[in-house]
Amino acid sequence: MTPYSTLKEEAWKANLQIPERKLALYTWGNVSAFDKDKGVFAIKPSGIPYDELTIDDMVVLDLEGRVVEGKRNPSSDTPTHLELYKKFEGIGGITHTHSTYATSWAQASRSIPVFGTTHADHSTGSIVCTPFIQKDAVERDYEKETGLLIIKTFLEPASLGLKQPVLNPQENPMVLVAGHGPFTWGKTADKSVYNSAVLEEIAKMAWISLSINPQMNVLPEYILQKHYNRKHGKNAYYGQQRN
């Protein structure tokens, strides 16, 4: 046992959900788990198939990107995770996959509008797609710059020429990176995988809906707000209430 054993186990179990939920083939995805108090996160090692992963394979890093425990090379997407943990408050887990439908929207460089209540139950607005990352950013530090691009898309959209409001990462725990794929996050690593699975279903439903009716309208705002708030608002009543 080490001070990071529990965190590594959380990350390991979350990574095993990627193939279980059919969110990625081969090694096309990764999950990390964050311990804010210790200032470290555990992440999948690079290029290791899920059916070969062990708890000891998980790599623990601090927020300076230094390995504090683990013998493997961490995921190549580690700098992206690191930047999101540094900037997005309240998240304890991040998932990145190349799930088919969500990645297809990312490759098409299209945000996913809110077409129905399934989407509204999990986000207050469209699942946004970032602009394409710039060439100089790729050459400078591709994975770190991907994280910074996601952050700017949410918190500084005007700086990217985007005509959208500033987004709350807690209310919109999903993003599409243009030409690349989806990233999701949550209060725990397990919740971030849950959000990744939800995103894939939302992306699939949106594609099917548009194929049925290419001129379809988005969900009226009052229905969107009702569905989101009954689950997440201060007077939420979805599920079993605890005294």
Protein backbone atom coordinates (compact mmCIF):
# COMPACT_ATOMS: atom_id res chain seq x y z
CA MET A 1 0.00 0.00 0.00
CA THR A 2 1.12 3.54 -0.78
CA PRO A 3 -0.47 6.95 -0.14
CA TYR A 4 -1.85 6.76 -3.68
CA SER A 5 -3.21 3.21 -3.72
CA THR A 6 -6.86 4.24 -3.45
CA LEU A 7 -6.48 6.86 -6.19
CA LYS A 8 -4.75 4.38 -8.49
CA GLU A 9 -7.49 1.82 -7.93
CA GLU A 10 -10.14 4.44 -8.76
CA ALA A 11 -8.36 5.29 -12.02
CA TRP A 12 -7.84 1.62 -12.88
CA LYS A 13 -11.48 0.68 -12.37
CA ALA A 14 -12.63 3.69 -14.39
CA ASN A 15 -10.35 2.81 -17.30
CA LEU A 16 -11.77 -0.71 -17.41
CA GLN A 17 -15.20 0.81 -18.05
CA ILE A 18 -14.06 2.17 -21.43
CA PRO A 19 -14.17 -1.23 -23.19
CA GLU A 20 -17.09 -2.40 -21.03
CA ARG A 21 -19.18 0.51 -22.29
CA LYS A 22 -17.77 0.16 -25.84
CA LEU A 23 -16.38 3.71 -25.79
CA ALA A 24 -13.10 2.90 -27.54
CA LEU A 25 -11.26 0.17 -29.42
CA TYR A 26 -7.79 -1.10 -28.50
CA THR A 27 -6.04 1.65 -26.49
CA TRP A 28 -8.03 4.59 -27.85
CA GLY A 29 -8.96 6.22 -24.56
CA ASN A 30 -7.88 7.08 -21.05
CA VAL A 31 -9.29 8.07 -17.68
CA SER A 32 -7.65 9.93 -14.81
CA ALA A 33 -8.67 10.38 -11.17
CA PHE A 34 -7.74 13.51 -9.20
CA ASP A 35 -7.06 13.98 -5.50
CA LYS A 36 -7.30 17.72 -4.90
CA ASP A 37 -6.05 17.55 -1.31
CA LYS A 38 -2.86 15.76 -2.35
CA GLY A 39 -2.56 17.74 -5.58
CA VAL A 40 -2.03 14.61 -7.69
CA PHE A 41 -3.87 12.56 -10.28
CA ALA A 42 -3.58 8.96 -11.46
CA ILE A 43 -3.87 8.16 -15.15
CA LYS A 44 -3.68 5.21 -17.53
CA PRO A 45 -0.22 4.40 -18.91
CA SER A 46 0.35 5.01 -22.61
CA GLY A 47 -0.42 2.26 -25.10
CA ILE A 48 -1.31 -0.52 -22.64
CA PRO A 49 -4.41 -2.58 -23.64
CA TYR A 50 -7.24 -2.47 -21.10
CA ASP A 51 -7.24 -6.24 -20.57
CA GLU A 52 -3.60 -6.05 -19.50
CA LEU A 53 -3.96 -3.13 -17.07
CA THR A 54 -3.24 -3.56 -13.39
CA ILE A 55 -3.55 -1.12 -10.52
CA ASP A 56 0.22 -0.91 -10.32
CA ASP A 57 0.35 0.25 -13.94
CA MET A 58 -1.41 3.50 -13.08
CA VAL A 59 0.88 6.53 -13.09
CA VAL A 60 0.52 9.26 -10.46
CA LEU A 61 1.60 12.81 -11.30
CA ASP A 62 1.51 16.17 -9.57
CA LEU A 63 0.15 19.35 -11.11
CA GLU A 64 3.58 20.23 -12.43
CA GLY A 65 3.49 17.08 -14.55
CA ARG A 66 6.09 15.25 -12.48
CA VAL A 67 5.67 11.53 -11.89
CA VAL A 68 5.43 10.87 -8.17
CA GLU A 69 4.62 7.16 -8.42
CA GLY A 70 4.65 4.62 -11.22
CA LYS A 71 7.10 2.97 -13.59
CA ARG A 72 5.15 3.33 -16.84
CA ASN A 73 5.00 6.25 -19.25
CA PRO A 74 1.72 8.09 -18.59
CA SER A 75 -0.88 8.59 -21.31
CA SER A 76 0.17 10.92 -24.09
CA ASP A 77 -2.95 12.97 -23.23
CA THR A 78 -1.70 13.62 -19.69
CA PRO A 79 -0.90 17.33 -20.28
CA THR A 80 -4.49 17.89 -21.44
CA HIS A 81 -5.85 16.35 -18.24
CA LEU A 82 -3.40 18.39 -16.17
CA GLU A 83 -4.51 21.72 -17.64
CA LEU A 84 -8.18 20.93 -17.06
CA TYR A 85 -7.55 19.97 -13.43
CA LYS A 86 -5.69 23.23 -12.88
CA LYS A 87 -8.47 25.39 -14.31
CA PHE A 88 -11.85 23.66 -13.89
CA GLU A 89 -12.96 23.73 -10.26
CA GLY A 90 -14.74 20.78 -8.69
CA ILE A 91 -13.75 18.03 -11.09
CA GLY A 92 -12.24 14.78 -9.82
CA GLY A 93 -12.01 12.73 -12.99
CA ILE A 94 -11.51 13.13 -16.75
CA THR A 95 -12.23 10.72 -19.59
CA HIS A 96 -11.03 10.91 -23.18
CA THR A 97 -12.24 8.45 -25.80
CA HIS A 98 -12.66 8.08 -29.53
CA SER A 99 -16.24 6.79 -29.30
CA THR A 100 -17.81 6.55 -32.75
CA TYR A 101 -20.66 9.05 -32.76
CA ALA A 102 -19.12 11.73 -30.53
CA THR A 103 -15.88 11.55 -32.52
CA SER A 104 -17.83 11.84 -35.77
CA TRP A 105 -19.32 15.14 -34.58
CA ALA A 106 -15.83 16.29 -33.58
CA GLN A 107 -14.43 15.33 -36.98
CA ALA A 108 -17.25 17.29 -38.61
CA SER A 109 -16.32 20.25 -36.36
CA ARG A 110 -19.91 20.59 -35.19
CA SER A 111 -21.33 21.25 -31.76
CA ILE A 112 -24.27 19.07 -30.76
CA PRO A 113 -27.45 21.16 -30.28
CA VAL A 114 -29.96 20.31 -27.59
CA PHE A 115 -32.58 18.40 -29.56
CA GLY A 116 -34.23 16.56 -26.68
CA THR A 117 -34.64 16.02 -22.98
CA THR A 118 -32.01 13.26 -22.78
CA HIS A 119 -29.43 15.93 -23.61
CA ALA A 120 -31.12 18.49 -21.34
CA ASP A 121 -30.91 16.13 -18.38
CA HIS A 122 -27.12 16.34 -18.53
CA SER A 123 -26.14 19.76 -19.87
CA THR A 124 -27.52 23.30 -19.95
CA GLY A 125 -26.64 23.84 -23.60
CA SER A 126 -25.04 22.53 -26.74
CA ILE A 127 -22.08 20.21 -26.40
CA VAL A 128 -19.59 22.60 -27.90
CA CYS A 129 -16.89 21.79 -30.41
CA THR A 130 -13.63 23.70 -30.18
CA PRO A 131 -12.05 25.32 -33.22
CA PHE A 132 -9.21 23.40 -34.86
CA ILE A 133 -6.02 23.75 -32.88
CA GLN A 134 -3.57 26.10 -34.59
CA LYS A 135 -0.35 24.87 -36.22
CA ASP A 136 1.92 26.86 -33.90
CA ALA A 137 0.15 25.38 -30.87
CA VAL A 138 0.66 21.86 -32.21
CA GLU A 139 4.35 22.54 -32.73
CA ARG A 140 4.72 24.20 -29.33
CA ASP A 141 3.13 21.56 -27.05
CA TYR A 142 0.25 19.72 -28.69
CA GLU A 143 -1.38 18.00 -25.71
CA LYS A 144 -0.97 20.93 -23.33
CA GLU A 145 -2.34 23.31 -25.95
CA THR A 146 -5.32 21.01 -26.47
CA GLY A 147 -6.17 21.50 -22.81
CA LEU A 148 -5.75 25.26 -23.11
CA LEU A 149 -7.97 25.27 -26.21
CA ILE A 150 -10.75 23.51 -24.28
CA ILE A 151 -10.38 26.01 -21.44
CA LYS A 152 -10.56 29.00 -23.79
CA THR A 153 -13.58 27.53 -25.57
CA PHE A 154 -15.39 27.45 -22.23
CA LEU A 155 -14.07 30.46 -20.36
CA GLU A 156 -12.74 32.83 -23.06
CA PRO A 157 -14.74 32.05 -26.21
CA ALA A 158 -14.40 35.58 -27.60
CA SER A 159 -10.60 35.16 -27.69
CA LEU A 160 -11.14 32.36 -30.24
CA GLY A 161 -13.67 34.33 -32.26
CA LEU A 162 -16.54 32.18 -30.98
CA LYS A 163 -20.01 33.71 -30.73
CA GLN A 164 -21.12 31.83 -27.65
CA PRO A 165 -21.45 32.67 -23.96
CA VAL A 166 -18.93 31.71 -21.31
CA LEU A 167 -19.75 28.16 -20.24
CA ASN A 168 -19.83 26.65 -16.76
CA PRO A 169 -17.79 23.40 -16.86
CA GLN A 170 -19.88 21.99 -14.00
CA GLU A 171 -23.11 22.43 -15.94
CA ASN A 172 -21.57 21.35 -19.24
CA PRO A 173 -19.21 18.45 -18.44
CA MET A 174 -18.50 17.50 -22.06
CA VAL A 175 -16.61 18.93 -25.03
CA LEU A 176 -15.66 17.94 -28.56
CA VAL A 177 -12.18 18.81 -29.81
CA ALA A 178 -12.36 19.53 -33.54
CA GLY A 179 -10.85 16.79 -35.65
CA HIS A 180 -9.94 14.81 -32.55
CA GLY A 181 -12.63 13.54 -30.20
CA PRO A 182 -14.50 14.00 -26.91
CA PHE A 183 -13.34 14.82 -23.40
CA THR A 184 -15.69 14.58 -20.43
CA TRP A 185 -15.26 15.20 -16.72
CA GLY A 186 -17.09 14.79 -13.44
CA LYS A 187 -16.77 14.89 -9.66
CA THR A 188 -15.14 11.44 -9.79
CA ALA A 189 -13.39 9.33 -12.40
CA ASP A 190 -16.42 7.05 -12.49
CA LYS A 191 -18.72 10.02 -13.17
CA SER A 192 -16.48 11.21 -15.99
CA VAL A 193 -16.87 7.81 -17.69
CA TYR A 194 -20.62 8.02 -17.11
CA ASN A 195 -20.63 11.39 -18.87
CA SER A 196 -18.62 9.93 -21.73
CA ALA A 197 -21.20 7.18 -22.19
CA VAL A 198 -24.02 9.75 -22.02
CA LEU A 199 -22.27 11.92 -24.61
CA GLU A 200 -21.96 8.99 -27.00
CA GLU A 201 -25.70 8.29 -26.74
CA ILE A 202 -26.58 11.97 -27.17
CA ALA A 203 -24.34 12.17 -30.25
CA LYS A 204 -25.97 9.07 -31.72
CA MET A 205 -29.50 10.33 -31.03
CA ALA A 206 -28.71 13.73 -32.57
CA TRP A 207 -27.33 12.12 -35.74
CA ILE A 208 -30.38 9.87 -36.11
CA SER A 209 -32.76 12.76 -35.43
CA LEU A 210 -31.13 14.92 -38.11
CA SER A 211 -31.28 12.05 -40.58
CA ILE A 212 -35.04 11.85 -39.98
CA ASN A 213 -35.60 15.60 -40.08
CA PRO A 214 -32.67 17.73 -41.31
CA GLN A 215 -34.67 20.91 -40.55
CA MET A 216 -35.57 19.99 -37.00
CA ASN A 217 -35.67 22.64 -34.28
CA VAL A 218 -33.78 22.63 -31.01
CA LEU A 219 -35.59 21.89 -27.76
CA PRO A 220 -37.44 24.97 -26.43
CA GLU A 221 -35.47 26.69 -23.68
CA TYR A 222 -38.22 26.29 -21.07
CA ILE A 223 -38.22 22.51 -21.53
CA LEU A 224 -34.42 22.42 -21.41
CA GLN A 225 -34.32 24.36 -18.15
CA LYS A 226 -37.08 22.26 -16.58
CA HIS A 227 -35.29 18.98 -17.31
CA TYR A 228 -31.88 20.19 -16.21
CA ASN A 229 -33.11 21.79 -13.00
CA ARG A 230 -35.33 18.93 -11.89
CA LYS A 231 -32.16 16.86 -11.79
CA HIS A 232 -29.49 19.40 -10.84
CA GLY A 233 -31.20 22.58 -9.61
CA LYS A 234 -31.51 23.71 -6.00
CA ASN A 235 -35.04 22.30 -5.87
CA ALA A 236 -34.21 19.11 -7.75
CA TYR A 237 -36.68 16.29 -7.24
CA TYR A 238 -35.43 13.58 -9.60
CA GLY A 239 -34.45 10.34 -7.84
CA GLN A 240 -34.81 9.34 -4.21
CA GLN A 241 -34.60 12.20 -1.76
CA ARG A 242 -32.59 11.82 1.42
CA ASN A 243 -33.46 13.53 4.68
